[in-house]
Structure formats: structure tokens, C-alpha cells
Amino acid sequence: MTAMNLHAYLQSTDRGEASRIAREVGVSPTMISQYAAGAKMPAPHTAASIERATGGAVMRWDLRDDWREIWPELASRPDAPTEHNEAA
């Protein structure tokens, strides 16, 4: 499965997926919508929970610009975005 941002993920899934994720993560559906729109950044534990709730389709690094400081171990993963790719 290819990682994608939360907005693209929600667009590609059934109606009600934002509500399901919200219940699983413990936030409101409105917060999920705000994360998807980029209006708010989820807390680190929430970003990790969204990653789990989407089965890895949406990764923590897709939700937080500062993911390297929070989860430096992820930078060594072969599928991790490079700084060059993030700037593009």
C-alpha cells in the first residue's frame, strides 16, 4: 500500500471513514477533517494512532512536518521521505 496524505485517503474511502478514524483515535470527526485540510497538526500520539487506524495508508510523516525530531528512527526506513522529496 502506498502512503498518501489524509485528505487523499479520505477521498478514496467510503463515506463515514473520517468518523470511524475519529472514534478509533479518540478525537472528533471535525478534528480529522481539520487534519486532512492541513488546518491543524495532530499531536504526536494522535498522528501515530491515525497511522494505525488507516493501516499505514497515512503515515505519521504525512501528518507532521517535524516528524524527524519526534521519530528519528523512521528516517532510516527505506520508504521514508527524503528532505529533498519533502521540499518538492
C-alpha atoms as a PDB file:
ATOM      1  CA  MET A   1       0.000   0.000   0.000  1.00  0.00           C
ATOM      2  CA  THR A   2       1.355   3.401  -0.962  1.00  0.00           C
ATOM      3  CA  ALA A   3       1.297   6.086   1.711  1.00  0.00           C
ATOM      4  CA  MET A   4      -0.831   9.135   0.990  1.00  0.00           C
ATOM      5  CA  ASN A   5      -1.935  12.222   2.809  1.00  0.00           C
ATOM      6  CA  LEU A   6      -5.039  12.096   4.967  1.00  0.00           C
ATOM      7  CA  HIS A   7      -7.138  14.171   2.562  1.00  0.00           C
ATOM      8  CA  ALA A   8      -6.415  11.815  -0.359  1.00  0.00           C
ATOM      9  CA  TYR A   9      -7.060   8.807   1.867  1.00  0.00           C
ATOM     10  CA  LEU A  10     -10.468  10.097   2.957  1.00  0.00           C
ATOM     11  CA  GLN A  11     -11.382  10.932  -0.654  1.00  0.00           C
ATOM     12  CA  SER A  12     -10.539   7.364  -1.699  1.00  0.00           C
ATOM     13  CA  THR A  13     -12.585   5.638   1.014  1.00  0.00           C
ATOM     14  CA  ASP A  14     -16.237   5.188   1.859  1.00  0.00           C
ATOM     15  CA  ARG A  15     -18.299   7.940   3.390  1.00  0.00           C
ATOM     16  CA  GLY A  16     -18.031   7.703   7.157  1.00  0.00           C
ATOM     17  CA  GLU A  17     -14.346   6.777   7.199  1.00  0.00           C
ATOM     18  CA  ALA A  18     -13.442  10.048   8.948  1.00  0.00           C
ATOM     19  CA  SER A  19     -15.942   9.193  11.689  1.00  0.00           C
ATOM     20  CA  ARG A  20     -14.537   5.682  12.049  1.00  0.00           C
ATOM     21  CA  ILE A  21     -10.986   7.013  12.339  1.00  0.00           C
ATOM     22  CA  ALA A  22     -12.131   9.671  14.810  1.00  0.00           C
ATOM     23  CA  ARG A  23     -13.744   7.034  17.048  1.00  0.00           C
ATOM     24  CA  GLU A  24     -10.691   4.791  16.881  1.00  0.00           C
ATOM     25  CA  VAL A  25      -8.257   7.641  17.544  1.00  0.00           C
ATOM     26  CA  GLY A  26     -10.357   9.378  20.208  1.00  0.00           C
ATOM     27  CA  VAL A  27     -10.928  12.745  18.541  1.00  0.00           C
ATOM     28  CA  SER A  28     -13.923  14.347  16.862  1.00  0.00           C
ATOM     29  CA  PRO A  29     -14.669  13.905  13.152  1.00  0.00           C
ATOM     30  CA  THR A  30     -14.200  17.678  12.866  1.00  0.00           C
ATOM     31  CA  MET A  31     -10.612  17.308  14.069  1.00  0.00           C
ATOM     32  CA  ILE A  32      -9.975  14.596  11.465  1.00  0.00           C
ATOM     33  CA  SER A  33     -11.320  16.983   8.812  1.00  0.00           C
ATOM     34  CA  GLN A  34      -9.059  19.765  10.090  1.00  0.00           C
ATOM     35  CA  TYR A  35      -6.035  17.448   9.991  1.00  0.00           C
ATOM     36  CA  ALA A  36      -6.971  16.406   6.443  1.00  0.00           C
ATOM     37  CA  ALA A  37      -7.295  20.037   5.336  1.00  0.00           C
ATOM     38  CA  GLY A  38      -3.972  20.953   6.915  1.00  0.00           C
ATOM     39  CA  ALA A  39      -5.654  23.472   9.219  1.00  0.00           C
ATOM     40  CA  LYS A  40      -4.360  21.686  12.335  1.00  0.00           C
ATOM     41  CA  MET A  41      -1.480  19.342  13.057  1.00  0.00           C
ATOM     42  CA  PRO A  42      -2.284  16.304  15.201  1.00  0.00           C
ATOM     43  CA  ALA A  43      -0.371  15.664  18.412  1.00  0.00           C
ATOM     44  CA  PRO A  44       2.369  13.046  18.005  1.00  0.00           C
ATOM     45  CA  HIS A  45       0.340  10.294  19.683  1.00  0.00           C
ATOM     46  CA  THR A  46      -2.671  11.159  17.521  1.00  0.00           C
ATOM     47  CA  ALA A  47      -0.582  11.025  14.338  1.00  0.00           C
ATOM     48  CA  ALA A  48       0.664   7.560  15.314  1.00  0.00           C
ATOM     49  CA  SER A  49      -2.916   6.483  16.044  1.00  0.00           C
ATOM     50  CA  ILE A  50      -4.093   7.728  12.638  1.00  0.00           C
ATOM     51  CA  GLU A  51      -1.298   5.739  11.014  1.00  0.00           C
ATOM     52  CA  ARG A  52      -2.549   2.600  12.796  1.00  0.00           C
ATOM     53  CA  ALA A  53      -6.222   3.361  12.075  1.00  0.00           C
ATOM     54  CA  THR A  54      -5.509   3.678   8.341  1.00  0.00           C
ATOM     55  CA  GLY A  55      -3.401   0.534   8.260  1.00  0.00           C
ATOM     56  CA  GLY A  56      -0.347   2.571   7.289  1.00  0.00           C
ATOM     57  CA  ALA A  57      -2.009   4.213   4.283  1.00  0.00           C
ATOM     58  CA  VAL A  58      -1.448   7.562   6.019  1.00  0.00           C
ATOM     59  CA  MET A  59       1.930   7.716   7.719  1.00  0.00           C
ATOM     60  CA  ARG A  60       2.969   9.886  10.668  1.00  0.00           C
ATOM     61  CA  TRP A  61       5.348  11.766   8.391  1.00  0.00           C
ATOM     62  CA  ASP A  62       2.372  12.734   6.208  1.00  0.00           C
ATOM     63  CA  LEU A  63       0.739  14.400   9.211  1.00  0.00           C
ATOM     64  CA  ARG A  64       3.607  16.247  10.916  1.00  0.00           C
ATOM     65  CA  ASP A  65       6.340  18.390   9.345  1.00  0.00           C
ATOM     66  CA  ASP A  66       8.523  17.828  12.409  1.00  0.00           C
ATOM     67  CA  TRP A  67       8.346  14.032  12.304  1.00  0.00           C
ATOM     68  CA  ARG A  68      12.154  13.665  12.138  1.00  0.00           C
ATOM     69  CA  GLU A  69      12.537  15.311  15.551  1.00  0.00           C
ATOM     70  CA  ILE A  70       9.770  13.219  17.115  1.00  0.00           C
ATOM     71  CA  TRP A  71      10.502   9.853  15.482  1.00  0.00           C
ATOM     72  CA  PRO A  72      14.132   9.981  14.261  1.00  0.00           C
ATOM     73  CA  GLU A  73      14.151   6.195  13.891  1.00  0.00           C
ATOM     74  CA  LEU A  74      11.695   6.497  10.986  1.00  0.00           C
ATOM     75  CA  ALA A  75      14.224   8.413   8.874  1.00  0.00           C
ATOM     76  CA  SER A  76      16.174   5.198   8.251  1.00  0.00           C
ATOM     77  CA  ARG A  77      13.172   3.401   6.757  1.00  0.00           C
ATOM     78  CA  PRO A  78      13.555   2.819   3.019  1.00  0.00           C
ATOM     79  CA  ASP A  79      10.107   4.303   2.357  1.00  0.00           C
ATOM     80  CA  ALA A  80      10.696   7.457   4.435  1.00  0.00           C
ATOM     81  CA  PRO A  81      10.540  10.716   2.528  1.00  0.00           C
ATOM     82  CA  THR A  82      13.847  12.435   1.998  1.00  0.00           C
ATOM     83  CA  GLU A  83      14.257  16.106   2.777  1.00  0.00           C
ATOM     84  CA  HIS A  84      14.624  16.704  -0.973  1.00  0.00           C
ATOM     85  CA  ASN A  85      11.297  14.969  -1.697  1.00  0.00           C
ATOM     86  CA  GLU A  86       9.516  16.914   1.046  1.00  0.00           C
ATOM     87  CA  ALA A  87      10.667  20.251  -0.374  1.00  0.00           C
ATOM     88  CA  ALA A  88       9.388  19.399  -3.860  1.00  0.00           C
END
